[in-house]
Each structure stands twice: as structure tokens, then as C-alpha cells.
Protein backbone atom coordinates (compact mmCIF):
# COMPACT_ATOMS: atom_id res chain seq x y z
CA MET A 1 -10.92 -2.08 -5.18
CA LYS A 2 -7.49 -1.14 -6.63
CA VAL A 3 -4.57 0.55 -4.66
CA VAL A 4 -1.01 1.18 -5.12
CA LEU A 5 1.15 1.44 -1.71
CA ASP A 6 3.97 3.72 -1.34
CA THR A 7 7.39 1.97 0.28
CA ASN A 8 6.80 3.96 3.39
CA VAL A 9 3.39 2.11 3.84
CA LEU A 10 5.28 -1.28 3.61
CA ILE A 11 8.32 -0.79 5.89
CA THR A 12 5.95 0.82 8.67
CA GLY A 13 3.45 -1.92 8.33
CA PHE A 14 5.90 -4.58 8.65
CA LYS A 15 7.30 -3.05 11.88
CA ASP A 16 4.03 -2.37 13.87
CA GLU A 17 1.59 -5.78 13.73
CA TYR A 18 -1.65 -3.32 14.80
CA SER A 19 -1.15 -0.59 12.36
CA TYR A 20 -3.32 0.67 9.41
CA GLN A 21 -0.33 0.04 7.09
CA LYS A 22 -0.40 -3.72 8.71
CA ARG A 23 -4.00 -4.33 7.87
CA ILE A 24 -4.12 -2.68 4.70
CA ILE A 25 -1.24 -5.06 3.59
CA ASP A 26 -3.18 -8.10 5.00
CA GLU A 27 -6.26 -7.16 3.18
CA ILE A 28 -4.11 -7.48 -0.31
CA SER A 29 -2.11 -10.47 1.18
CA SER A 30 -5.82 -12.42 1.51
CA GLY A 31 -6.60 -11.10 -2.00
CA LYS A 32 -9.43 -8.39 -0.30
CA ILE A 33 -7.72 -5.53 -1.94
CA MET A 34 -5.95 -5.41 -5.42
CA ALA A 35 -2.68 -3.72 -5.54
CA TYR A 36 -0.37 -2.62 -8.26
CA ALA A 37 3.26 -1.33 -8.75
CA ASN A 38 5.70 -1.69 -11.61
CA ARG A 39 8.59 -3.99 -12.21
CA GLN A 40 11.22 -1.55 -10.82
CA THR A 41 9.37 -0.57 -7.37
CA LEU A 42 8.32 -4.08 -6.74
CA ARG A 43 12.20 -5.17 -7.14
CA GLU A 44 13.09 -2.28 -5.04
CA ASN A 45 10.43 -3.06 -2.32
CA HIS A 46 11.26 -7.05 -2.39
CA LEU A 47 15.36 -6.32 -1.83
CA LEU A 48 14.81 -3.44 0.87
CA LEU A 49 12.70 -5.28 2.76
CA ASN A 50 14.72 -8.47 2.76
CA LYS A 51 17.16 -6.89 3.97
CA ILE A 52 15.55 -5.07 7.00
CA ILE A 53 13.02 -7.52 7.92
CA GLU A 54 14.71 -10.58 9.85
CA ASN A 55 11.66 -12.34 11.58
CA ASP A 56 10.73 -15.48 9.32
CA GLN A 57 7.53 -15.08 9.83
CA TYR A 58 7.45 -11.64 8.24
CA ARG A 59 9.85 -12.67 5.46
CA ARG A 60 6.63 -15.50 4.77
CA GLU A 61 3.97 -12.92 5.20
CA LEU A 62 5.97 -10.34 2.82
CA ASP A 63 6.39 -13.39 -0.08
CA THR A 64 2.50 -13.35 0.56
CA PHE A 65 1.77 -10.05 0.13
CA PHE A 66 4.39 -10.01 -2.97
CA ALA A 67 2.72 -13.07 -4.87
CA GLN A 68 -0.67 -11.00 -4.70
CA VAL A 69 0.49 -7.57 -6.05
CA GLU A 70 0.00 -6.98 -9.83
CA GLU A 71 2.40 -5.44 -12.17
CA VAL A 72 2.16 -2.93 -14.48
CA GLU A 73 4.32 -1.01 -16.60
CA ASN A 74 4.57 2.79 -16.80
CA HIS A 75 3.99 4.50 -20.10
CA LYS A 76 2.78 8.06 -19.02
CA ARG A 77 5.65 9.87 -17.40
CA ILE A 78 4.69 12.22 -14.49
CA HIS A 79 6.33 14.97 -13.33
CA ILE A 80 4.46 16.56 -10.46
CA VAL A 81 6.74 16.26 -7.49
CA SER A 82 10.59 16.91 -7.34
CA ASP A 83 11.07 13.26 -6.26
CA PRO A 84 11.74 10.98 -9.21
CA GLU A 85 10.46 7.93 -6.88
CA ASP A 86 7.36 9.67 -5.92
CA ASN A 87 6.57 10.41 -9.28
CA LYS A 88 7.24 6.89 -10.19
CA ILE A 89 4.60 5.39 -7.66
CA LEU A 90 1.79 8.25 -8.93
CA GLU A 91 2.40 7.05 -12.63
CA SER A 92 1.91 3.20 -11.13
CA ALA A 93 -1.04 4.34 -9.63
CA VAL A 94 -2.35 6.21 -13.02
CA GLU A 95 -1.32 3.12 -15.00
CA ALA A 96 -3.25 0.75 -12.76
CA GLN A 97 -6.17 2.97 -12.86
CA ALA A 98 -6.05 3.02 -8.86
CA ASP A 99 -8.77 4.36 -6.87
CA TYR A 100 -6.11 5.17 -4.16
CA LEU A 101 -2.44 5.79 -3.91
CA ILE A 102 -2.02 5.46 -0.23
CA SER A 103 1.52 6.79 1.23
CA GLU A 104 2.93 8.74 4.17
CA ASP A 105 4.87 11.02 1.92
CA ASN A 106 3.73 14.53 2.38
CA HIS A 107 4.70 15.68 -1.17
CA LEU A 108 2.22 13.15 -2.66
CA LEU A 109 -0.44 13.76 0.37
CA SER A 110 -0.12 17.62 -0.81
CA ILE A 111 -1.58 16.45 -4.23
CA VAL A 112 -4.78 15.11 -2.73
CA LYS A 113 -6.07 13.83 -6.35
CA TYR A 114 -4.34 13.18 -9.68
CA GLU A 115 -6.26 12.37 -12.56
CA SER A 116 -8.88 9.33 -10.64
CA VAL A 117 -6.53 8.36 -8.08
CA LYS A 118 -7.29 9.64 -4.89
CA ILE A 119 -3.56 10.41 -2.79
CA VAL A 120 -4.73 9.12 1.06
CA GLU A 121 -2.61 8.34 4.52
CA PRO A 122 -3.20 4.80 5.68
CA GLY A 123 -5.36 5.69 8.67
CA GLN A 124 -7.71 7.60 5.91
CA PHE A 125 -7.57 4.62 3.64
CA TRP A 126 -8.88 2.29 6.47
CA ALA A 127 -11.68 4.15 7.47
CA ILE A 128 -12.84 4.47 4.14
CA TYR A 129 -12.33 0.87 3.11
CA SER A 130 -13.99 -0.12 6.48
CA ASP A 131 -16.98 1.89 5.69
CA MET A 132 -17.19 0.40 2.20
CA ILE A 133 -17.06 -3.23 3.85
CA ASP A 134 -19.43 -2.20 6.64
CA GLU A 135 -17.22 -3.10 9.49
CA ASP A 136 -16.13 -1.25 12.46
CA PRO A 137 -12.81 -0.52 12.90
CA TRP A 138 -12.67 -0.48 16.38
CA ALA A 139 -14.31 -4.17 16.45
CA LYS A 140 -11.98 -5.48 13.99
CA TRP A 141 -9.02 -4.51 15.62
CA VAL A 142 -10.48 -6.05 19.23
CA HIS A 143 -11.39 -9.06 16.92
CA GLN A 144 -7.60 -9.13 15.80
CA PHE A 145 -6.21 -8.39 19.08
CA MET A 146 -7.83 -11.26 20.82
CA GLY A 147 -6.95 -13.67 18.08
CA LYS A 148 -11.21 -14.24 17.35
């Protein structure tokens, strides 16, 4: 499964250890989900998150996450929403032939689908992903919480 994460998902994910965002990030870090981004977005995300994350453990997790993200080059320009950054994220998803663009941005979420890319919130994605891997999300959370 291929995904592109919006920056807001990364920020929320590294702030809340038990969020859907963090679970998605962990699945990407472990190589279970393939993630893509363009070079500029990767660089911007890396710089931004390094500024806001002070915890050394989270910095190591961040490095592991970024090591798993595959770089794409945006060739096709998309002008669907007014924010050029949102368009850039959508361009990356199209170039990567991603299954999902995961975002918390209402402008992107209102599109619902562009070409073959479904645009979903983190909780929506987690429900879909959990069903695909046939794992009960509640049971998984309990296992993570209990450290098992």
C-alpha cells in the first residue's frame, strides 16, 4: 500500500504517542506501509520537525521514518486548491501512484478523491488499513498500551 502524508499528520503523530497518526508513522517506519514525498516536502518536513521535537527518542524515530520515505519527482502540476502547498502534496500522491493521501486539511479532504488517490483523515485510513491486515484496532491499541 502506498501513501503520502501531509505535514500536519507528521506534526500530530509525533506529539501524541497513541494517535492514529503515530500508528501510521510507525507502520511506515517499520516498512509495512510505503510512503512517498517530493524532495522539497521531505526537506521542509525534516527541518520543521527537527525544530519542534526536542526529545532525543522522537528524533531517532523521525530519522527512521524519513529513511523509509521514497522520493518522487513532481512532473504534473495540479491546481485544485488555493494553497500551493496542498497542491504540491497532491502532486506527490499522483506521481507516486499512491493509494491514499492522508491529511487533516479540510481543503484536501473536501476533494475526497483525485484520479486514483483517495484523500482521507488518519482515523479513516487506520480503519481501512486495520481491516486490510485483519487486525482489530482496539486490540492492537491495548497491546501497544500494555507493551505486548
